Amino acid sequence: MANIKSAKKRVIVNAKKAARNQSIKSGVKTAIKKVEAAVAANDKEAAAAALINATSTIDKAETKGVLHKNNAARKVSRLSKAVNSIQ
């Protein structure tokens, strides 16, 4: 471990931020999986409800700086396209 006080603090702060970012990314992945599962089951209503939740989760991750804005937009676009493709 580091010997300098500021370096020790950096290690602790970076560990906290990494844990927070990982938690947010995990939530995004879970929300995406729920939408994809509903699409696979051809359940339009459940997919639409899951899409709203997923969009919100992805937007929050973008706002917090965990996802890049284009990455977030791409994820939302792909999910919307999948939900709209259900007959």
PDB file of N, CA and C in Angstrom:
ATOM      1  N   MET A   1       0.844  -1.191   0.000  1.00  0.00           N
ATOM      2  CA  MET A   1       0.000   0.000   0.000  1.00  0.00           C
ATOM      3  C   MET A   1       0.879   1.240   0.000  1.00  0.00           C
ATOM      4  N   ALA A   2       0.283   2.354  -0.382  1.00  0.00           N
ATOM      5  CA  ALA A   2       1.012   3.615  -0.482  1.00  0.00           C
ATOM      6  C   ALA A   2       1.435   4.118   0.895  1.00  0.00           C
ATOM      7  N   ASN A   3       2.497   4.894   0.919  1.00  0.00           N
ATOM      8  CA  ASN A   3       3.008   5.448   2.173  1.00  0.00           C
ATOM      9  C   ASN A   3       2.550   6.876   2.407  1.00  0.00           C
ATOM     10  N   ILE A   4       2.291   7.611   1.342  1.00  0.00           N
ATOM     11  CA  ILE A   4       1.919   9.016   1.464  1.00  0.00           C
ATOM     12  C   ILE A   4       0.424   9.114   1.758  1.00  0.00           C
ATOM     13  N   LYS A   5       0.086  10.054   2.642  1.00  0.00           N
ATOM     14  CA  LYS A   5      -1.301  10.192   3.091  1.00  0.00           C
ATOM     15  C   LYS A   5      -2.273  10.424   1.937  1.00  0.00           C
ATOM     16  N   SER A   6      -1.911  11.296   0.987  1.00  0.00           N
ATOM     17  CA  SER A   6      -2.813  11.596  -0.128  1.00  0.00           C
ATOM     18  C   SER A   6      -2.986  10.370  -1.031  1.00  0.00           C
ATOM     19  N   ALA A   7      -1.929   9.558  -1.172  1.00  0.00           N
ATOM     20  CA  ALA A   7      -2.019   8.351  -1.989  1.00  0.00           C
ATOM     21  C   ALA A   7      -2.915   7.316  -1.311  1.00  0.00           C
ATOM     22  N   LYS A   8      -2.849   7.234   0.008  1.00  0.00           N
ATOM     23  CA  LYS A   8      -3.717   6.311   0.760  1.00  0.00           C
ATOM     24  C   LYS A   8      -5.179   6.718   0.568  1.00  0.00           C
ATOM     25  N   LYS A   9      -5.428   8.033   0.630  1.00  0.00           N
ATOM     26  CA  LYS A   9      -6.787   8.530   0.438  1.00  0.00           C
ATOM     27  C   LYS A   9      -7.287   8.205  -0.971  1.00  0.00           C
ATOM     28  N   ARG A  10      -6.432   8.395  -1.973  1.00  0.00           N
ATOM     29  CA  ARG A  10      -6.810   8.083  -3.352  1.00  0.00           C
ATOM     30  C   ARG A  10      -7.236   6.627  -3.486  1.00  0.00           C
ATOM     31  N   VAL A  11      -6.505   5.718  -2.857  1.00  0.00           N
ATOM     32  CA  VAL A  11      -6.837   4.293  -2.924  1.00  0.00           C
ATOM     33  C   VAL A  11      -8.234   4.055  -2.354  1.00  0.00           C
ATOM     34  N   ILE A  12      -8.520   4.674  -1.220  1.00  0.00           N
ATOM     35  CA  ILE A  12      -9.821   4.485  -0.568  1.00  0.00           C
ATOM     36  C   ILE A  12     -10.945   5.096  -1.414  1.00  0.00           C
ATOM     37  N   VAL A  13     -10.735   6.323  -1.882  1.00  0.00           N
ATOM     38  CA  VAL A  13     -11.759   7.020  -2.673  1.00  0.00           C
ATOM     39  C   VAL A  13     -12.037   6.272  -3.981  1.00  0.00           C
ATOM     40  N   ASN A  14     -10.960   5.813  -4.633  1.00  0.00           N
ATOM     41  CA  ASN A  14     -11.145   5.085  -5.890  1.00  0.00           C
ATOM     42  C   ASN A  14     -11.897   3.785  -5.682  1.00  0.00           C
ATOM     43  N   ALA A  15     -11.641   3.107  -4.568  1.00  0.00           N
ATOM     44  CA  ALA A  15     -12.353   1.859  -4.269  1.00  0.00           C
ATOM     45  C   ALA A  15     -13.847   2.132  -4.068  1.00  0.00           C
ATOM     46  N   LYS A  16     -14.172   3.224  -3.377  1.00  0.00           N
ATOM     47  CA  LYS A  16     -15.580   3.582  -3.150  1.00  0.00           C
ATOM     48  C   LYS A  16     -16.280   3.900  -4.472  1.00  0.00           C
ATOM     49  N   LYS A  17     -15.602   4.688  -5.314  1.00  0.00           N
ATOM     50  CA  LYS A  17     -16.194   5.073  -6.597  1.00  0.00           C
ATOM     51  C   LYS A  17     -16.377   3.863  -7.506  1.00  0.00           C
ATOM     52  N   ALA A  18     -15.399   2.959  -7.493  1.00  0.00           N
ATOM     53  CA  ALA A  18     -15.497   1.764  -8.327  1.00  0.00           C
ATOM     54  C   ALA A  18     -16.669   0.899  -7.884  1.00  0.00           C
ATOM     55  N   ALA A  19     -16.876   0.782  -6.573  1.00  0.00           N
ATOM     56  CA  ALA A  19     -17.998  -0.009  -6.053  1.00  0.00           C
ATOM     57  C   ALA A  19     -19.328   0.627  -6.447  1.00  0.00           C
ATOM     58  N   ARG A  20     -19.400   1.948  -6.365  1.00  0.00           N
ATOM     59  CA  ARG A  20     -20.635   2.661  -6.731  1.00  0.00           C
ATOM     60  C   ARG A  20     -20.926   2.492  -8.220  1.00  0.00           C
ATOM     61  N   ASN A  21     -19.895   2.661  -9.044  1.00  0.00           N
ATOM     62  CA  ASN A  21     -20.070   2.519 -10.484  1.00  0.00           C
ATOM     63  C   ASN A  21     -20.485   1.101 -10.850  1.00  0.00           C
ATOM     64  N   GLN A  22     -19.897   0.112 -10.194  1.00  0.00           N
ATOM     65  CA  GLN A  22     -20.231  -1.283 -10.476  1.00  0.00           C
ATOM     66  C   GLN A  22     -21.683  -1.571 -10.127  1.00  0.00           C
ATOM     67  N   SER A  23     -22.142  -1.014  -9.019  1.00  0.00           N
ATOM     68  CA  SER A  23     -23.527  -1.201  -8.604  1.00  0.00           C
ATOM     69  C   SER A  23     -24.491  -0.601  -9.629  1.00  0.00           C
ATOM     70  N   ILE A  24     -24.178   0.590 -10.114  1.00  0.00           N
ATOM     71  CA  ILE A  24     -25.039   1.250 -11.095  1.00  0.00           C
ATOM     72  C   ILE A  24     -25.039   0.472 -12.409  1.00  0.00           C
ATOM     73  N   LYS A  25     -23.864   0.014 -12.864  1.00  0.00           N
ATOM     74  CA  LYS A  25     -23.771  -0.765 -14.098  1.00  0.00           C
ATOM     75  C   LYS A  25     -24.557  -2.057 -13.985  1.00  0.00           C
ATOM     76  N   SER A  26     -24.507  -2.679 -12.814  1.00  0.00           N
ATOM     77  CA  SER A  26     -25.240  -3.923 -12.595  1.00  0.00           C
ATOM     78  C   SER A  26     -26.745  -3.686 -12.701  1.00  0.00           C
ATOM     79  N   GLY A  27     -27.209  -2.568 -12.140  1.00  0.00           N
ATOM     80  CA  GLY A  27     -28.630  -2.216 -12.235  1.00  0.00           C
ATOM     81  C   GLY A  27     -29.068  -1.997 -13.667  1.00  0.00           C
ATOM     82  N   VAL A  28     -28.203  -1.372 -14.466  1.00  0.00           N
ATOM     83  CA  VAL A  28     -28.501  -1.145 -15.881  1.00  0.00           C
ATOM     84  C   VAL A  28     -28.621  -2.480 -16.605  1.00  0.00           C
ATOM     85  N   LYS A  29     -27.676  -3.377 -16.362  1.00  0.00           N
ATOM     86  CA  LYS A  29     -27.692  -4.690 -17.018  1.00  0.00           C
ATOM     87  C   LYS A  29     -28.951  -5.468 -16.657  1.00  0.00           C
ATOM     88  N   THR A  30     -29.349  -5.409 -15.385  1.00  0.00           N
ATOM     89  CA  THR A  30     -30.555  -6.109 -14.940  1.00  0.00           C
ATOM     90  C   THR A  30     -31.797  -5.562 -15.642  1.00  0.00           C
ATOM     91  N   ALA A  31     -31.881  -4.242 -15.737  1.00  0.00           N
ATOM     92  CA  ALA A  31     -33.032  -3.610 -16.391  1.00  0.00           C
ATOM     93  C   ALA A  31     -33.093  -4.008 -17.862  1.00  0.00           C
ATOM     94  N   ILE A  32     -31.934  -4.058 -18.522  1.00  0.00           N
ATOM     95  CA  ILE A  32     -31.889  -4.450 -19.931  1.00  0.00           C
ATOM     96  C   ILE A  32     -32.331  -5.897 -20.100  1.00  0.00           C
ATOM     97  N   LYS A  33     -31.886  -6.768 -19.205  1.00  0.00           N
ATOM     98  CA  LYS A  33     -32.261  -8.189 -19.284  1.00  0.00           C
ATOM     99  C   LYS A  33     -33.764  -8.371 -19.122  1.00  0.00           C
ATOM    100  N   LYS A  34     -34.391  -7.558 -18.266  1.00  0.00           N
ATOM    101  CA  LYS A  34     -35.840  -7.665 -18.071  1.00  0.00           C
ATOM    102  C   LYS A  34     -36.585  -7.290 -19.353  1.00  0.00           C
ATOM    103  N   VAL A  35     -36.115  -6.261 -20.039  1.00  0.00           N
ATOM    104  CA  VAL A  35     -36.750  -5.863 -21.299  1.00  0.00           C
ATOM    105  C   VAL A  35     -36.571  -6.971 -22.331  1.00  0.00           C
ATOM    106  N   GLU A  36     -35.349  -7.478 -22.446  1.00  0.00           N
ATOM    107  CA  GLU A  36     -35.071  -8.516 -23.437  1.00  0.00           C
ATOM    108  C   GLU A  36     -35.863  -9.791 -23.153  1.00  0.00           C
ATOM    109  N   ALA A  37     -36.067 -10.124 -21.880  1.00  0.00           N
ATOM    110  CA  ALA A  37     -36.858 -11.306 -21.534  1.00  0.00           C
ATOM    111  C   ALA A  37     -38.314 -11.122 -21.940  1.00  0.00           C
ATOM    112  N   ALA A  38     -38.852  -9.920 -21.721  1.00  0.00           N
ATOM    113  CA  ALA A  38     -40.243  -9.642 -22.097  1.00  0.00           C
ATOM    114  C   ALA A  38     -40.402  -9.662 -23.611  1.00  0.00           C
ATOM    115  N   VAL A  39     -39.398  -9.167 -24.333  1.00  0.00           N
ATOM    116  CA  VAL A  39     -39.440  -9.174 -25.797  1.00  0.00           C
ATOM    117  C   VAL A  39     -39.395 -10.617 -26.302  1.00  0.00           C
ATOM    118  N   ALA A  40     -38.549 -11.437 -25.682  1.00  0.00           N
ATOM    119  CA  ALA A  40     -38.432 -12.839 -26.084  1.00  0.00           C
ATOM    120  C   ALA A  40     -39.734 -13.592 -25.848  1.00  0.00           C
ATOM    121  N   ALA A  41     -40.479 -13.171 -24.823  1.00  0.00           N
ATOM    122  CA  ALA A  41     -41.751 -13.816 -24.503  1.00  0.00           C
ATOM    123  C   ALA A  41     -42.913 -13.221 -25.309  1.00  0.00           C
ATOM    124  N   ASN A  42     -42.631 -12.250 -26.158  1.00  0.00           N
ATOM    125  CA  ASN A  42     -43.650 -11.567 -26.960  1.00  0.00           C
ATOM    126  C   ASN A  42     -44.740 -10.925 -26.111  1.00  0.00           C
ATOM    127  N   ASP A  43     -44.363 -10.433 -24.937  1.00  0.00           N
ATOM    128  CA  ASP A  43     -45.305  -9.767 -24.032  1.00  0.00           C
ATOM    129  C   ASP A  43     -45.127  -8.253 -24.171  1.00  0.00           C
ATOM    130  N   LYS A  44     -45.940  -7.662 -25.033  1.00  0.00           N
ATOM    131  CA  LYS A  44     -45.778  -6.241 -25.376  1.00  0.00           C
ATOM    132  C   LYS A  44     -45.981  -5.323 -24.170  1.00  0.00           C
ATOM    133  N   GLU A  45     -46.978  -5.614 -23.345  1.00  0.00           N
ATOM    134  CA  GLU A  45     -47.259  -4.750 -22.198  1.00  0.00           C
ATOM    135  C   GLU A  45     -46.132  -4.794 -21.177  1.00  0.00           C
ATOM    136  N   ALA A  46     -45.656  -5.999 -20.869  1.00  0.00           N
ATOM    137  CA  ALA A  46     -44.553  -6.132 -19.912  1.00  0.00           C
ATOM    138  C   ALA A  46     -43.279  -5.509 -20.465  1.00  0.00           C
ATOM    139  N   ALA A  47     -43.061  -5.674 -21.756  1.00  0.00           N
ATOM    140  CA  ALA A  47     -41.875  -5.102 -22.388  1.00  0.00           C
ATOM    141  C   ALA A  47     -41.919  -3.576 -22.342  1.00  0.00           C
ATOM    142  N   ALA A  48     -43.084  -3.013 -22.581  1.00  0.00           N
ATOM    143  CA  ALA A  48     -43.221  -1.557 -22.552  1.00  0.00           C
ATOM    144  C   ALA A  48     -42.976  -1.016 -21.142  1.00  0.00           C
ATOM    145  N   ALA A  49     -43.511  -1.720 -20.145  1.00  0.00           N
ATOM    146  CA  ALA A  49     -43.303  -1.298 -18.759  1.00  0.00           C
ATOM    147  C   ALA A  49     -41.829  -1.429 -18.372  1.00  0.00           C
ATOM    148  N   ALA A  50     -41.204  -2.514 -18.781  1.00  0.00           N
ATOM    149  CA  ALA A  50     -39.788  -2.725 -18.478  1.00  0.00           C
ATOM    150  C   ALA A  50     -38.920  -1.709 -19.211  1.00  0.00           C
ATOM    151  N   LEU A  51     -39.353  -1.318 -20.412  1.00  0.00           N
ATOM    152  CA  LEU A  51     -38.601  -0.331 -21.193  1.00  0.00           C
ATOM    153  C   LEU A  51     -38.578   1.020 -20.475  1.00  0.00           C
ATOM    154  N   ILE A  52     -39.699   1.416 -19.922  1.00  0.00           N
ATOM    155  CA  ILE A  52     -39.765   2.687 -19.193  1.00  0.00           C
ATOM    156  C   ILE A  52     -38.789   2.663 -18.014  1.00  0.00           C
ATOM    157  N   ASN A  53     -38.794   1.552 -17.277  1.00  0.00           N
ATOM    158  CA  ASN A  53     -37.897   1.396 -16.133  1.00  0.00           C
ATOM    159  C   ASN A  53     -36.436   1.395 -16.585  1.00  0.00           C
ATOM    160  N   ALA A  54     -36.150   0.662 -17.649  1.00  0.00           N
ATOM    161  CA  ALA A  54     -34.777   0.563 -18.141  1.00  0.00           C
ATOM    162  C   ALA A  54     -34.275   1.916 -18.640  1.00  0.00           C
ATOM    163  N   THR A  55     -35.129   2.640 -19.347  1.00  0.00           N
ATOM    164  CA  THR A  55     -34.749   3.954 -19.855  1.00  0.00           C
ATOM    165  C   THR A  55     -34.389   4.890 -18.703  1.00  0.00           C
ATOM    166  N   SER A  56     -35.195   4.847 -17.660  1.00  0.00           N
ATOM    167  CA  SER A  56     -34.935   5.671 -16.485  1.00  0.00           C
ATOM    168  C   SER A  56     -33.606   5.294 -15.838  1.00  0.00           C
ATOM    169  N   THR A  57     -33.362   3.999 -15.692  1.00  0.00           N
ATOM    170  CA  THR A  57     -32.129   3.521 -15.077  1.00  0.00           C
ATOM    171  C   THR A  57     -30.908   3.927 -15.902  1.00  0.00           C
ATOM    172  N   ILE A  58     -31.017   3.783 -17.209  1.00  0.00           N
ATOM    173  CA  ILE A  58     -29.901   4.135 -18.100  1.00  0.00           C
ATOM    174  C   ILE A  58     -29.641   5.637 -18.058  1.00  0.00           C
ATOM    175  N   ASP A  59     -30.700   6.439 -18.055  1.00  0.00           N
ATOM    176  CA  ASP A  59     -30.539   7.895 -18.004  1.00  0.00           C
ATOM    177  C   ASP A  59     -29.886   8.336 -16.697  1.00  0.00           C
ATOM    178  N   LYS A  60     -30.244   7.685 -15.601  1.00  0.00           N
ATOM    179  CA  LYS A  60     -29.625   8.021 -14.310  1.00  0.00           C
ATOM    180  C   LYS A  60     -28.143   7.674 -14.325  1.00  0.00           C
ATOM    181  N   ALA A  61     -27.806   6.536 -14.921  1.00  0.00           N
ATOM    182  CA  ALA A  61     -26.399   6.137 -15.011  1.00  0.00           C
ATOM    183  C   ALA A  61     -25.618   7.143 -15.859  1.00  0.00           C
ATOM    184  N   GLU A  62     -26.252   7.641 -16.905  1.00  0.00           N
ATOM    185  CA  GLU A  62     -25.612   8.648 -17.764  1.00  0.00           C
ATOM    186  C   GLU A  62     -25.396   9.944 -16.988  1.00  0.00           C
ATOM    187  N   THR A  63     -26.405  10.361 -16.242  1.00  0.00           N
ATOM    188  CA  THR A  63     -26.324  11.596 -15.467  1.00  0.00           C
ATOM    189  C   THR A  63     -25.213  11.526 -14.426  1.00  0.00           C
ATOM    190  N   LYS A  64     -25.031  10.352 -13.840  1.00  0.00           N
ATOM    191  CA  LYS A  64     -24.002  10.183 -12.810  1.00  0.00           C
ATOM    192  C   LYS A  64     -22.613   9.967 -13.389  1.00  0.00           C
ATOM    193  N   GLY A  65     -22.521   9.914 -14.718  1.00  0.00           N
ATOM    194  CA  GLY A  65     -21.218   9.795 -15.344  1.00  0.00           C
ATOM    195  C   GLY A  65     -20.706   8.379 -15.469  1.00  0.00           C
ATOM    196  N   VAL A  66     -21.563   7.398 -15.207  1.00  0.00           N
ATOM    197  CA  VAL A  66     -21.142   6.001 -15.306  1.00  0.00           C
ATOM    198  C   VAL A  66     -21.131   5.553 -16.761  1.00  0.00           C
ATOM    199  N   LEU A  67     -22.113   6.010 -17.531  1.00  0.00           N
ATOM    200  CA  LEU A  67     -22.178   5.699 -18.959  1.00  0.00           C
ATOM    201  C   LEU A  67     -21.976   6.978 -19.769  1.00  0.00           C
ATOM    202  N   HIS A  68     -21.317   6.842 -20.903  1.00  0.00           N
ATOM    203  CA  HIS A  68     -21.182   7.955 -21.840  1.00  0.00           C
ATOM    204  C   HIS A  68     -22.545   8.214 -22.474  1.00  0.00           C
ATOM    205  N   LYS A  69     -22.809   9.454 -22.844  1.00  0.00           N
ATOM    206  CA  LYS A  69     -24.138   9.797 -23.363  1.00  0.00           C
ATOM    207  C   LYS A  69     -24.479   9.030 -24.628  1.00  0.00           C
ATOM    208  N   ASN A  70     -23.504   8.798 -25.509  1.00  0.00           N
ATOM    209  CA  ASN A  70     -23.789   8.050 -26.737  1.00  0.00           C
ATOM    210  C   ASN A  70     -24.038   6.577 -26.441  1.00  0.00           C
ATOM    211  N   ASN A  71     -23.321   6.036 -25.473  1.00  0.00           N
ATOM    212  CA  ASN A  71     -23.512   4.647 -25.062  1.00  0.00           C
ATOM    213  C   ASN A  71     -24.935   4.474 -24.512  1.00  0.00           C
ATOM    214  N   ALA A  72     -25.353   5.409 -23.661  1.00  0.00           N
ATOM    215  CA  ALA A  72     -26.692   5.352 -23.082  1.00  0.00           C
ATOM    216  C   ALA A  72     -27.754   5.479 -24.175  1.00  0.00           C
ATOM    217  N   ALA A  73     -27.547   6.397 -25.104  1.00  0.00           N
ATOM    218  CA  ALA A  73     -28.506   6.596 -26.188  1.00  0.00           C
ATOM    219  C   ALA A  73     -28.610   5.346 -27.050  1.00  0.00           C
ATOM    220  N   ARG A  74     -27.474   4.698 -27.302  1.00  0.00           N
ATOM    221  CA  ARG A  74     -27.471   3.475 -28.106  1.00  0.00           C
ATOM    222  C   ARG A  74     -28.248   2.359 -27.406  1.00  0.00           C
ATOM    223  N   LYS A  75     -28.053   2.220 -26.110  1.00  0.00           N
ATOM    224  CA  LYS A  75     -28.759   1.177 -25.357  1.00  0.00           C
ATOM    225  C   LYS A  75     -30.274   1.413 -25.393  1.00  0.00           C
ATOM    226  N   VAL A  76     -30.686   2.663 -25.162  1.00  0.00           N
ATOM    227  CA  VAL A  76     -32.111   2.991 -25.168  1.00  0.00           C
ATOM    228  C   VAL A  76     -32.701   2.754 -26.556  1.00  0.00           C
ATOM    229  N   SER A  77     -31.965   3.145 -27.581  1.00  0.00           N
ATOM    230  CA  SER A  77     -32.440   2.985 -28.946  1.00  0.00           C
ATOM    231  C   SER A  77     -32.651   1.513 -29.294  1.00  0.00           C
ATOM    232  N   ARG A  78     -31.682   0.683 -28.942  1.00  0.00           N
ATOM    233  CA  ARG A  78     -31.788  -0.745 -29.253  1.00  0.00           C
ATOM    234  C   ARG A  78     -32.949  -1.395 -28.513  1.00  0.00           C
ATOM    235  N   LEU A  79     -33.149  -0.996 -27.246  1.00  0.00           N
ATOM    236  CA  LEU A  79     -34.260  -1.562 -26.482  1.00  0.00           C
ATOM    237  C   LEU A  79     -35.602  -1.114 -27.068  1.00  0.00           C
ATOM    238  N   SER A  80     -35.699   0.169 -27.426  1.00  0.00           N
ATOM    239  CA  SER A  80     -36.937   0.696 -28.011  1.00  0.00           C
ATOM    240  C   SER A  80     -37.254  -0.012 -29.321  1.00  0.00           C
ATOM    241  N   LYS A  81     -36.232  -0.223 -30.123  1.00  0.00           N
ATOM    242  CA  LYS A  81     -36.410  -0.905 -31.396  1.00  0.00           C
ATOM    243  C   LYS A  81     -36.898  -2.333 -31.183  1.00  0.00           C
ATOM    244  N   ALA A  82     -36.353  -3.002 -30.175  1.00  0.00           N
ATOM    245  CA  ALA A  82     -36.754  -4.371 -29.887  1.00  0.00           C
ATOM    246  C   ALA A  82     -38.211  -4.436 -29.422  1.00  0.00           C
ATOM    247  N   VAL A  83     -38.594  -3.498 -28.549  1.00  0.00           N
ATOM    248  CA  VAL A  83     -39.976  -3.490 -28.041  1.00  0.00           C
ATOM    249  C   VAL A  83     -40.954  -3.150 -29.161  1.00  0.00           C
ATOM    250  N   ASN A  84     -40.577  -2.224 -30.022  1.00  0.00           N
ATOM    251  CA  ASN A  84     -41.458  -1.838 -31.126  1.00  0.00           C
ATOM    252  C   ASN A  84     -41.583  -2.914 -32.183  1.00  0.00           C
ATOM    253  N   SER A  85     -40.656  -3.864 -32.201  1.00  0.00           N
ATOM    254  CA  SER A  85     -40.711  -4.930 -33.198  1.00  0.00           C
ATOM    255  C   SER A  85     -41.692  -6.047 -32.816  1.00  0.00           C
ATOM    256  N   ILE A  86     -42.177  -6.011 -31.572  1.00  0.00           N
ATOM    257  CA  ILE A  86     -43.133  -7.044 -31.145  1.00  0.00           C
ATOM    258  C   ILE A  86     -44.460  -6.826 -31.868  1.00  0.00           C
ATOM    259  N   GLN A  87     -44.998  -7.895 -32.424  1.00  0.00           N
ATOM    260  CA  GLN A  87     -46.287  -7.800 -33.138  1.00  0.00           C
ATOM    261  C   GLN A  87     -47.450  -7.998 -32.217  1.00  0.00           C
TER     262      GLN A  87
END
